[in-house]
Amino acid sequence: KKLEVWDKTCLCTHMRNFDCWTCGHYTYRLKDTSRKLEDGSYQLLSAEHIFRDYQFSKDGKVALPD
């Protein structure tokens, strides 16, 4: 039996299921979840932070780093 999940899933699952091999319109969230530092560089976020923002965010809200 094939399991289908139509809610938020990992990007690899989405790409495999829909044969879509690009980050598409969700790439902007990487910039939106980042914090620009005083020296002009950006805070390096953990993969866990980015994934949890993607997986658990609701109503278009972005999880900003501490």
C-alpha atoms as a PDB file:
ATOM      1  CA  LYS A   1       0.000   0.000   0.000  1.00  0.00           C
ATOM      2  CA  LYS A   2       1.373   3.394  -0.989  1.00  0.00           C
ATOM      3  CA  LEU A   3       1.418   5.959   1.810  1.00  0.00           C
ATOM      4  CA  GLU A   4       0.524   9.471   0.682  1.00  0.00           C
ATOM      5  CA  VAL A   5       0.993  12.514   2.886  1.00  0.00           C
ATOM      6  CA  TRP A   6      -0.442  15.772   1.566  1.00  0.00           C
ATOM      7  CA  ASP A   7       0.687  17.927   4.481  1.00  0.00           C
ATOM      8  CA  LYS A   8       4.204  19.230   5.034  1.00  0.00           C
ATOM      9  CA  THR A   9       6.841  16.584   4.395  1.00  0.00           C
ATOM     10  CA  CYS A  10      10.573  16.704   3.793  1.00  0.00           C
ATOM     11  CA  LEU A  11      11.720  18.257   0.539  1.00  0.00           C
ATOM     12  CA  CYS A  12      13.206  14.977  -0.711  1.00  0.00           C
ATOM     13  CA  THR A  13       9.814  13.263  -0.419  1.00  0.00           C
ATOM     14  CA  HIS A  14       8.106  16.137  -2.221  1.00  0.00           C
ATOM     15  CA  MET A  15      10.671  16.117  -5.021  1.00  0.00           C
ATOM     16  CA  ARG A  16      10.408  12.347  -5.451  1.00  0.00           C
ATOM     17  CA  ASN A  17       6.599  12.206  -5.371  1.00  0.00           C
ATOM     18  CA  PHE A  18       6.073  15.066  -7.805  1.00  0.00           C
ATOM     19  CA  ASP A  19       9.229  14.655  -9.916  1.00  0.00           C
ATOM     20  CA  CYS A  20      10.101  18.257  -9.114  1.00  0.00           C
ATOM     21  CA  TRP A  21      13.867  18.672  -8.748  1.00  0.00           C
ATOM     22  CA  THR A  22      14.119  22.310  -7.731  1.00  0.00           C
ATOM     23  CA  CYS A  23      13.660  24.250  -4.501  1.00  0.00           C
ATOM     24  CA  GLY A  24      11.018  26.371  -6.185  1.00  0.00           C
ATOM     25  CA  HIS A  25       9.223  29.198  -4.450  1.00  0.00           C
ATOM     26  CA  TYR A  26      10.094  28.108  -0.884  1.00  0.00           C
ATOM     27  CA  THR A  27      13.767  29.056  -1.250  1.00  0.00           C
ATOM     28  CA  TYR A  28      12.972  32.627  -0.153  1.00  0.00           C
ATOM     29  CA  ARG A  29      12.377  31.314   3.375  1.00  0.00           C
ATOM     30  CA  LEU A  30      16.112  30.721   3.781  1.00  0.00           C
ATOM     31  CA  LYS A  31      16.619  34.488   3.598  1.00  0.00           C
ATOM     32  CA  ASP A  32      13.521  35.224   5.686  1.00  0.00           C
ATOM     33  CA  THR A  33      14.674  32.907   8.490  1.00  0.00           C
ATOM     34  CA  SER A  34      18.179  34.420   8.543  1.00  0.00           C
ATOM     35  CA  ARG A  35      19.458  37.250  10.667  1.00  0.00           C
ATOM     36  CA  LYS A  36      21.846  39.791   9.148  1.00  0.00           C
ATOM     37  CA  LEU A  37      24.718  40.577  11.514  1.00  0.00           C
ATOM     38  CA  GLU A  38      26.274  44.015  12.120  1.00  0.00           C
ATOM     39  CA  ASP A  39      29.253  43.214   9.867  1.00  0.00           C
ATOM     40  CA  GLY A  40      26.883  42.537   6.932  1.00  0.00           C
ATOM     41  CA  SER A  41      27.210  38.759   7.014  1.00  0.00           C
ATOM     42  CA  TYR A  42      24.336  36.422   7.819  1.00  0.00           C
ATOM     43  CA  GLN A  43      23.991  34.181  10.856  1.00  0.00           C
ATOM     44  CA  LEU A  44      24.568  30.569   9.820  1.00  0.00           C
ATOM     45  CA  LEU A  45      21.477  28.549  10.729  1.00  0.00           C
ATOM     46  CA  SER A  46      21.483  24.873  11.538  1.00  0.00           C
ATOM     47  CA  ALA A  47      19.809  22.471   9.142  1.00  0.00           C
ATOM     48  CA  GLU A  48      17.539  21.501  12.038  1.00  0.00           C
ATOM     49  CA  HIS A  49      16.297  25.094  12.440  1.00  0.00           C
ATOM     50  CA  ILE A  50      15.525  25.427   8.735  1.00  0.00           C
ATOM     51  CA  PHE A  51      13.793  22.046   8.573  1.00  0.00           C
ATOM     52  CA  ARG A  52      11.702  22.698  11.701  1.00  0.00           C
ATOM     53  CA  ASP A  53      10.638  26.088  10.298  1.00  0.00           C
ATOM     54  CA  TYR A  54       9.531  24.368   7.090  1.00  0.00           C
ATOM     55  CA  GLN A  55       7.897  21.432   8.850  1.00  0.00           C
ATOM     56  CA  PHE A  56       6.078  23.128  11.727  1.00  0.00           C
ATOM     57  CA  SER A  57       5.370  26.731  10.673  1.00  0.00           C
ATOM     58  CA  LYS A  58       1.726  27.727  10.417  1.00  0.00           C
ATOM     59  CA  ASP A  59      -0.102  30.639   8.787  1.00  0.00           C
ATOM     60  CA  GLY A  60       2.994  31.779   6.873  1.00  0.00           C
ATOM     61  CA  LYS A  61       4.897  32.644  10.064  1.00  0.00           C
ATOM     62  CA  VAL A  62       8.677  32.318   9.979  1.00  0.00           C
ATOM     63  CA  ALA A  63      10.698  30.903  12.895  1.00  0.00           C
ATOM     64  CA  LEU A  64      13.486  33.414  13.473  1.00  0.00           C
ATOM     65  CA  PRO A  65      16.705  32.275  15.181  1.00  0.00           C
ATOM     66  CA  ASP A  66      17.434  33.312  18.759  1.00  0.00           C
END
